[in-house]
Amino acid sequence: MIGDRLKVLRSSLGRTQEEVSKAVGVSRAAYSHFENNRNEPDAETLGKLASYYDVTTDYLIGNTSERKPKKVDIDDDDVIMTYQGKPIPDEDLKIIKRLLGSDRDDG
């Protein structure tokens, strides 16, 4: 799974295995083994690969099909903010916004 995703990502950027391997600090042979699913990168290398390709480690290892996590704005009224699966009450959201400095008073 990791190898398949690495191949697709590298091809989409038009990069060679040599270029990627140098950028993340492994040998070309080691990178080739990752792409061919012979070996898996260690945690540090996995993180470097995710950074290089601008994806999450979860994407690389197949835990999600989303390359990047979804981002939402805390001020978006169409989004229900949750914590541990439960909606955050409006009063608590106001406190969170104030703490984050995003409680904008446009009026």
Foldseek 3Di string as FASTA:
>chain_A
DLLCVLVVLCVVVVHDLCVLCVQLPHHSVVSVCRNVVVDPDPPSSLVSSLVVSVADSCCSVVVDVDRHDDDDDLPDPVDFDDDPPHGDDPVVSCVVCVVVVNPDDPD
